[in-house]
Amino acid sequence: MDSCRHATLVLVPVEMKRRCCRCHLTVSHEELAGSYCPECFEESGRRYYDFDDVEAGGGSTSPYVCEDCGAGVG
């Protein structure tokens, strides 16, 4: 059993990614850099700029971490 009381919690930032509305390629904001979808461009030669923001990892991890022991809390 863990003896840590998790007194000091730190909010973990959620990494957001972008998913193409056409081919569903998911890339980070840095990789995309405000540009068109590279997958659609390679397939069709057309530049599509339609993206949805999504959480990386599906949001299954805890938003808080104990600063003392590193355990996910919440």
PDB file of N, CA and C in Angstrom:
ATOM      1  N   MET A   1       0.835  -1.181   0.000  1.00  0.00           N
ATOM      2  CA  MET A   1       0.000   0.000   0.000  1.00  0.00           C
ATOM      3  C   MET A   1       0.882   1.247   0.000  1.00  0.00           C
ATOM      4  N   ASP A   2       0.505   2.243  -0.769  1.00  0.00           N
ATOM      5  CA  ASP A   2       1.265   3.474  -0.903  1.00  0.00           C
ATOM      6  C   ASP A   2       1.038   4.361   0.317  1.00  0.00           C
ATOM      7  N   SER A   3       2.128   4.855   0.922  1.00  0.00           N
ATOM      8  CA  SER A   3       2.011   5.697   2.104  1.00  0.00           C
ATOM      9  C   SER A   3       1.921   7.183   1.768  1.00  0.00           C
ATOM     10  N   CYS A   4       2.052   7.571   0.504  1.00  0.00           N
ATOM     11  CA  CYS A   4       1.981   8.967   0.097  1.00  0.00           C
ATOM     12  C   CYS A   4       0.541   9.469   0.213  1.00  0.00           C
ATOM     13  N   ARG A   5       0.386  10.673   0.751  1.00  0.00           N
ATOM     14  CA  ARG A   5      -0.947  11.255   0.934  1.00  0.00           C
ATOM     15  C   ARG A   5      -1.358  12.115  -0.268  1.00  0.00           C
ATOM     16  N   HIS A   6      -0.498  12.228  -1.270  1.00  0.00           N
ATOM     17  CA  HIS A   6      -0.768  13.009  -2.488  1.00  0.00           C
ATOM     18  C   HIS A   6      -1.203  14.441  -2.143  1.00  0.00           C
ATOM     19  N   ALA A   7      -0.402  15.091  -1.306  1.00  0.00           N
ATOM     20  CA  ALA A   7      -0.739  16.434  -0.829  1.00  0.00           C
ATOM     21  C   ALA A   7      -0.453  17.521  -1.866  1.00  0.00           C
ATOM     22  N   THR A   8       0.500  17.300  -2.753  1.00  0.00           N
ATOM     23  CA  THR A   8       0.867  18.313  -3.742  1.00  0.00           C
ATOM     24  C   THR A   8       0.584  17.762  -5.141  1.00  0.00           C
ATOM     25  N   LEU A   9      -0.481  18.245  -5.765  1.00  0.00           N
ATOM     26  CA  LEU A   9      -0.864  17.777  -7.092  1.00  0.00           C
ATOM     27  C   LEU A   9      -0.471  18.793  -8.150  1.00  0.00           C
ATOM     28  N   VAL A  10      -0.087  18.288  -9.308  1.00  0.00           N
ATOM     29  CA  VAL A  10       0.305  19.120 -10.435  1.00  0.00           C
ATOM     30  C   VAL A  10      -0.603  18.777 -11.611  1.00  0.00           C
ATOM     31  N   LEU A  11      -1.162  19.798 -12.246  1.00  0.00           N
ATOM     32  CA  LEU A  11      -2.008  19.592 -13.424  1.00  0.00           C
ATOM     33  C   LEU A  11      -1.124  19.281 -14.625  1.00  0.00           C
ATOM     34  N   VAL A  12      -1.399  18.163 -15.281  1.00  0.00           N
ATOM     35  CA  VAL A  12      -0.638  17.747 -16.451  1.00  0.00           C
ATOM     36  C   VAL A  12      -1.296  18.353 -17.692  1.00  0.00           C
ATOM     37  N   PRO A  13      -0.550  19.088 -18.505  1.00  0.00           N
ATOM     38  CA  PRO A  13      -1.147  19.671 -19.710  1.00  0.00           C
ATOM     39  C   PRO A  13      -1.564  18.582 -20.697  1.00  0.00           C
ATOM     40  N   VAL A  14      -2.710  18.794 -21.324  1.00  0.00           N
ATOM     41  CA  VAL A  14      -3.233  17.846 -22.300  1.00  0.00           C
ATOM     42  C   VAL A  14      -2.680  18.207 -23.670  1.00  0.00           C
ATOM     43  N   GLU A  15      -2.050  17.226 -24.313  1.00  0.00           N
ATOM     44  CA  GLU A  15      -1.510  17.449 -25.653  1.00  0.00           C
ATOM     45  C   GLU A  15      -2.643  17.333 -26.665  1.00  0.00           C
ATOM     46  N   MET A  16      -2.797  18.365 -27.481  1.00  0.00           N
ATOM     47  CA  MET A  16      -3.834  18.363 -28.501  1.00  0.00           C
ATOM     48  C   MET A  16      -3.207  18.050 -29.858  1.00  0.00           C
ATOM     49  N   LYS A  17      -3.928  17.306 -30.640  1.00  0.00           N
ATOM     50  CA  LYS A  17      -3.509  16.986 -32.000  1.00  0.00           C
ATOM     51  C   LYS A  17      -4.612  17.402 -32.957  1.00  0.00           C
ATOM     52  N   ARG A  18      -4.323  17.349 -34.241  1.00  0.00           N
ATOM     53  CA  ARG A  18      -5.297  17.696 -35.272  1.00  0.00           C
ATOM     54  C   ARG A  18      -5.565  16.469 -36.121  1.00  0.00           C
ATOM     55  N   ARG A  19      -6.861  16.241 -36.432  1.00  0.00           N
ATOM     56  CA  ARG A  19      -7.254  15.100 -37.259  1.00  0.00           C
ATOM     57  C   ARG A  19      -7.920  15.624 -38.524  1.00  0.00           C
ATOM     58  N   CYS A  20      -7.452  15.150 -39.669  1.00  0.00           N
ATOM     59  CA  CYS A  20      -8.005  15.544 -40.960  1.00  0.00           C
ATOM     60  C   CYS A  20      -9.450  15.050 -41.064  1.00  0.00           C
ATOM     61  N   CYS A  21     -10.337  15.923 -41.506  1.00  0.00           N
ATOM     62  CA  CYS A  21     -11.759  15.563 -41.634  1.00  0.00           C
ATOM     63  C   CYS A  21     -12.002  14.606 -42.799  1.00  0.00           C
ATOM     64  N   ARG A  22     -11.081  14.505 -43.733  1.00  0.00           N
ATOM     65  CA  ARG A  22     -11.253  13.634 -44.893  1.00  0.00           C
ATOM     66  C   ARG A  22     -10.626  12.259 -44.697  1.00  0.00           C
ATOM     67  N   CYS A  23      -9.330  12.210 -44.412  1.00  0.00           N
ATOM     68  CA  CYS A  23      -8.633  10.914 -44.324  1.00  0.00           C
ATOM     69  C   CYS A  23      -8.403  10.465 -42.882  1.00  0.00           C
ATOM     70  N   HIS A  24      -8.660  11.334 -41.911  1.00  0.00           N
ATOM     71  CA  HIS A  24      -8.525  11.061 -40.474  1.00  0.00           C
ATOM     72  C   HIS A  24      -7.085  10.883 -40.008  1.00  0.00           C
ATOM     73  N   LEU A  25      -6.118  11.370 -40.778  1.00  0.00           N
ATOM     74  CA  LEU A  25      -4.735  11.397 -40.330  1.00  0.00           C
ATOM     75  C   LEU A  25      -4.655  12.297 -39.105  1.00  0.00           C
ATOM     76  N   THR A  26      -3.977  11.846 -38.057  1.00  0.00           N
ATOM     77  CA  THR A  26      -3.836  12.625 -36.833  1.00  0.00           C
ATOM     78  C   THR A  26      -2.377  13.013 -36.654  1.00  0.00           C
ATOM     79  N   VAL A  27      -2.129  14.322 -36.558  1.00  0.00           N
ATOM     80  CA  VAL A  27      -0.774  14.853 -36.410  1.00  0.00           C
ATOM     81  C   VAL A  27      -0.784  15.956 -35.355  1.00  0.00           C
ATOM     82  N   SER A  28       0.392  16.253 -34.804  1.00  0.00           N
ATOM     83  CA  SER A  28       0.493  17.320 -33.815  1.00  0.00           C
ATOM     84  C   SER A  28       0.423  18.680 -34.511  1.00  0.00           C
ATOM     85  N   HIS A  29       0.140  19.710 -33.720  1.00  0.00           N
ATOM     86  CA  HIS A  29       0.091  21.070 -34.259  1.00  0.00           C
ATOM     87  C   HIS A  29       1.441  21.473 -34.838  1.00  0.00           C
ATOM     88  N   GLU A  30       2.524  21.036 -34.191  1.00  0.00           N
ATOM     89  CA  GLU A  30       3.864  21.391 -34.656  1.00  0.00           C
ATOM     90  C   GLU A  30       4.180  20.741 -36.007  1.00  0.00           C
ATOM     91  N   GLU A  31       3.778  19.473 -36.171  1.00  0.00           N
ATOM     92  CA  GLU A  31       4.024  18.775 -37.436  1.00  0.00           C
ATOM     93  C   GLU A  31       3.231  19.403 -38.577  1.00  0.00           C
ATOM     94  N   LEU A  32       2.025  19.842 -38.269  1.00  0.00           N
ATOM     95  CA  LEU A  32       1.168  20.407 -39.303  1.00  0.00           C
ATOM     96  C   LEU A  32       1.568  21.832 -39.640  1.00  0.00           C
ATOM     97  N   ALA A  33       1.927  22.613 -38.634  1.00  0.00           N
ATOM     98  CA  ALA A  33       2.390  23.994 -38.803  1.00  0.00           C
ATOM     99  C   ALA A  33       1.433  24.845 -39.630  1.00  0.00           C
ATOM    100  N   GLY A  34       0.113  24.690 -39.422  1.00  0.00           N
ATOM    101  CA  GLY A  34      -0.870  25.515 -40.109  1.00  0.00           C
ATOM    102  C   GLY A  34      -1.020  25.214 -41.587  1.00  0.00           C
ATOM    103  N   SER A  35      -0.538  24.080 -42.021  1.00  0.00           N
ATOM    104  CA  SER A  35      -0.530  23.730 -43.433  1.00  0.00           C
ATOM    105  C   SER A  35      -1.662  22.768 -43.776  1.00  0.00           C
ATOM    106  N   TYR A  36      -1.652  22.285 -44.984  1.00  0.00           N
ATOM    107  CA  TYR A  36      -2.645  21.335 -45.485  1.00  0.00           C
ATOM    108  C   TYR A  36      -2.298  19.912 -45.068  1.00  0.00           C
ATOM    109  N   CYS A  37      -3.241  19.006 -45.256  1.00  0.00           N
ATOM    110  CA  CYS A  37      -3.037  17.604 -44.895  1.00  0.00           C
ATOM    111  C   CYS A  37      -2.068  16.951 -45.880  1.00  0.00           C
ATOM    112  N   PRO A  38      -0.929  16.444 -45.395  1.00  0.00           N
ATOM    113  CA  PRO A  38       0.051  15.840 -46.298  1.00  0.00           C
ATOM    114  C   PRO A  38      -0.434  14.527 -46.912  1.00  0.00           C
ATOM    115  N   GLU A  39      -1.255  13.775 -46.182  1.00  0.00           N
ATOM    116  CA  GLU A  39      -1.767  12.503 -46.685  1.00  0.00           C
ATOM    117  C   GLU A  39      -2.728  12.723 -47.855  1.00  0.00           C
ATOM    118  N   CYS A  40      -3.661  13.652 -47.690  1.00  0.00           N
ATOM    119  CA  CYS A  40      -4.607  13.960 -48.771  1.00  0.00           C
ATOM    120  C   CYS A  40      -3.882  14.522 -49.990  1.00  0.00           C
ATOM    121  N   PHE A  41      -2.867  15.361 -49.745  1.00  0.00           N
ATOM    122  CA  PHE A  41      -2.106  15.936 -50.851  1.00  0.00           C
ATOM    123  C   PHE A  41      -1.364  14.855 -51.620  1.00  0.00           C
ATOM    124  N   GLU A  42      -0.795  13.891 -50.902  1.00  0.00           N
ATOM    125  CA  GLU A  42      -0.073  12.796 -51.556  1.00  0.00           C
ATOM    126  C   GLU A  42      -1.028  11.923 -52.376  1.00  0.00           C
ATOM    127  N   GLU A  43      -2.223  11.668 -51.839  1.00  0.00           N
ATOM    128  CA  GLU A  43      -3.195  10.803 -52.517  1.00  0.00           C
ATOM    129  C   GLU A  43      -3.875  11.481 -53.710  1.00  0.00           C
ATOM    130  N   SER A  44      -4.301  12.738 -53.534  1.00  0.00           N
ATOM    131  CA  SER A  44      -5.123  13.379 -54.563  1.00  0.00           C
ATOM    132  C   SER A  44      -4.470  14.575 -55.240  1.00  0.00           C
ATOM    133  N   GLY A  45      -3.393  15.099 -54.657  1.00  0.00           N
ATOM    134  CA  GLY A  45      -2.766  16.295 -55.207  1.00  0.00           C
ATOM    135  C   GLY A  45      -3.500  17.566 -54.818  1.00  0.00           C
ATOM    136  N   ARG A  46      -4.520  17.451 -53.957  1.00  0.00           N
ATOM    137  CA  ARG A  46      -5.294  18.616 -53.503  1.00  0.00           C
ATOM    138  C   ARG A  46      -4.910  18.964 -52.073  1.00  0.00           C
ATOM    139  N   ARG A  47      -5.012  20.229 -51.757  1.00  0.00           N
ATOM    140  CA  ARG A  47      -4.670  20.711 -50.420  1.00  0.00           C
ATOM    141  C   ARG A  47      -5.945  20.936 -49.619  1.00  0.00           C
ATOM    142  N   TYR A  48      -6.116  20.139 -48.568  1.00  0.00           N
ATOM    143  CA  TYR A  48      -7.280  20.251 -47.692  1.00  0.00           C
ATOM    144  C   TYR A  48      -6.828  20.791 -46.336  1.00  0.00           C
ATOM    145  N   TYR A  49      -7.579  21.751 -45.836  1.00  0.00           N
ATOM    146  CA  TYR A  49      -7.236  22.421 -44.592  1.00  0.00           C
ATOM    147  C   TYR A  49      -8.260  22.158 -43.484  1.00  0.00           C
ATOM    148  N   ASP A  50      -9.144  21.180 -43.665  1.00  0.00           N
ATOM    149  CA  ASP A  50     -10.210  20.891 -42.701  1.00  0.00           C
ATOM    150  C   ASP A  50      -9.708  19.926 -41.640  1.00  0.00           C
ATOM    151  N   PHE A  51      -9.581  20.403 -40.399  1.00  0.00           N
ATOM    152  CA  PHE A  51      -9.081  19.587 -39.293  1.00  0.00           C
ATOM    153  C   PHE A  51      -9.960  19.763 -38.061  1.00  0.00           C
ATOM    154  N   ASP A  52     -10.024  18.723 -37.236  1.00  0.00           N
ATOM    155  CA  ASP A  52     -10.656  18.770 -35.919  1.00  0.00           C
ATOM    156  C   ASP A  52      -9.559  18.642 -34.872  1.00  0.00           C
ATOM    157  N   ASP A  53      -9.732  19.328 -33.732  1.00  0.00           N
ATOM    158  CA  ASP A  53      -8.805  19.169 -32.613  1.00  0.00           C
ATOM    159  C   ASP A  53      -9.224  17.959 -31.790  1.00  0.00           C
ATOM    160  N   VAL A  54      -8.262  17.118 -31.438  1.00  0.00           N
ATOM    161  CA  VAL A  54      -8.518  15.932 -30.615  1.00  0.00           C
ATOM    162  C   VAL A  54      -7.436  15.825 -29.551  1.00  0.00           C
ATOM    163  N   GLU A  55      -7.765  15.183 -28.422  1.00  0.00           N
ATOM    164  CA  GLU A  55      -6.786  14.940 -27.371  1.00  0.00           C
ATOM    165  C   GLU A  55      -5.903  13.765 -27.758  1.00  0.00           C
ATOM    166  N   ALA A  56      -4.630  13.906 -27.536  1.00  0.00           N
ATOM    167  CA  ALA A  56      -3.703  12.799 -27.788  1.00  0.00           C
ATOM    168  C   ALA A  56      -3.917  11.721 -26.740  1.00  0.00           C
ATOM    169  N   GLY A  57      -3.965  10.474 -27.132  1.00  0.00           N
ATOM    170  CA  GLY A  57      -4.118   9.371 -26.198  1.00  0.00           C
ATOM    171  C   GLY A  57      -5.537   9.114 -25.768  1.00  0.00           C
ATOM    172  N   GLY A  58      -6.502   9.821 -26.305  1.00  0.00           N
ATOM    173  CA  GLY A  58      -7.893   9.576 -25.989  1.00  0.00           C
ATOM    174  C   GLY A  58      -8.344  10.033 -24.626  1.00  0.00           C
ATOM    175  N   GLY A  59      -7.523  10.756 -23.876  1.00  0.00           N
ATOM    176  CA  GLY A  59      -7.912  11.292 -22.587  1.00  0.00           C
ATOM    177  C   GLY A  59      -8.036  10.259 -21.480  1.00  0.00           C
ATOM    178  N   SER A  60      -7.386   9.108 -21.615  1.00  0.00           N
ATOM    179  CA  SER A  60      -7.512   8.043 -20.629  1.00  0.00           C
ATOM    180  C   SER A  60      -6.585   8.219 -19.429  1.00  0.00           C
ATOM    181  N   THR A  61      -5.638   9.144 -19.494  1.00  0.00           N
ATOM    182  CA  THR A  61      -4.713   9.332 -18.390  1.00  0.00           C
ATOM    183  C   THR A  61      -5.261  10.353 -17.409  1.00  0.00           C
ATOM    184  N   SER A  62      -4.712  10.348 -16.198  1.00  0.00           N
ATOM    185  CA  SER A  62      -5.151  11.253 -15.153  1.00  0.00           C
ATOM    186  C   SER A  62      -4.681  12.674 -15.450  1.00  0.00           C
ATOM    187  N   PRO A  63      -5.540  13.682 -15.198  1.00  0.00           N
ATOM    188  CA  PRO A  63      -5.128  15.062 -15.441  1.00  0.00           C
ATOM    189  C   PRO A  63      -4.205  15.607 -14.350  1.00  0.00           C
ATOM    190  N   TYR A  64      -4.085  14.887 -13.204  1.00  0.00           N
ATOM    191  CA  TYR A  64      -3.242  15.327 -12.104  1.00  0.00           C
ATOM    192  C   TYR A  64      -2.222  14.256 -11.746  1.00  0.00           C
ATOM    193  N   VAL A  65      -1.037  14.714 -11.323  1.00  0.00           N
ATOM    194  CA  VAL A  65       0.030  13.818 -10.883  1.00  0.00           C
ATOM    195  C   VAL A  65       0.523  14.328  -9.536  1.00  0.00           C
ATOM    196  N   CYS A  66       0.777  13.407  -8.621  1.00  0.00           N
ATOM    197  CA  CYS A  66       1.337  13.770  -7.320  1.00  0.00           C
ATOM    198  C   CYS A  66       2.790  14.186  -7.522  1.00  0.00           C
ATOM    199  N   GLU A  67       3.130  15.362  -7.031  1.00  0.00           N
ATOM    200  CA  GLU A  67       4.488  15.871  -7.199  1.00  0.00           C
ATOM    201  C   GLU A  67       5.502  15.076  -6.378  1.00  0.00           C
ATOM    202  N   ASP A  68       5.051  14.490  -5.271  1.00  0.00           N
ATOM    203  CA  ASP A  68       5.962  13.767  -4.393  1.00  0.00           C
ATOM    204  C   ASP A  68       6.281  12.355  -4.902  1.00  0.00           C
ATOM    205  N   CYS A  69       5.255  11.596  -5.299  1.00  0.00           N
ATOM    206  CA  CYS A  69       5.500  10.188  -5.676  1.00  0.00           C
ATOM    207  C   CYS A  69       5.293   9.910  -7.163  1.00  0.00           C
ATOM    208  N   GLY A  70       4.686  10.847  -7.916  1.00  0.00           N
ATOM    209  CA  GLY A  70       4.504  10.675  -9.359  1.00  0.00           C
ATOM    210  C   GLY A  70       3.281   9.865  -9.763  1.00  0.00           C
ATOM    211  N   ALA A  71       2.430   9.510  -8.814  1.00  0.00           N
ATOM    212  CA  ALA A  71       1.242   8.710  -9.131  1.00  0.00           C
ATOM    213  C   ALA A  71       0.163   9.588  -9.760  1.00  0.00           C
ATOM    214  N   GLY A  72      -0.567   9.010 -10.716  1.00  0.00           N
ATOM    215  CA  GLY A  72      -1.703   9.701 -11.318  1.00  0.00           C
ATOM    216  C   GLY A  72      -2.850   9.730 -10.320  1.00  0.00           C
ATOM    217  N   VAL A  73      -3.452  10.895 -10.151  1.00  0.00           N
ATOM    218  CA  VAL A  73      -4.526  11.068  -9.177  1.00  0.00           C
ATOM    219  C   VAL A  73      -5.702  11.758  -9.858  1.00  0.00           C
ATOM    220  N   GLY A  74      -6.893  11.292  -9.600  1.00  0.00           N
ATOM    221  CA  GLY A  74      -8.088  11.968 -10.118  1.00  0.00           C
ATOM    222  C   GLY A  74      -8.614  11.323 -11.273  1.00  0.00           C
TER     223      GLY A  74
END
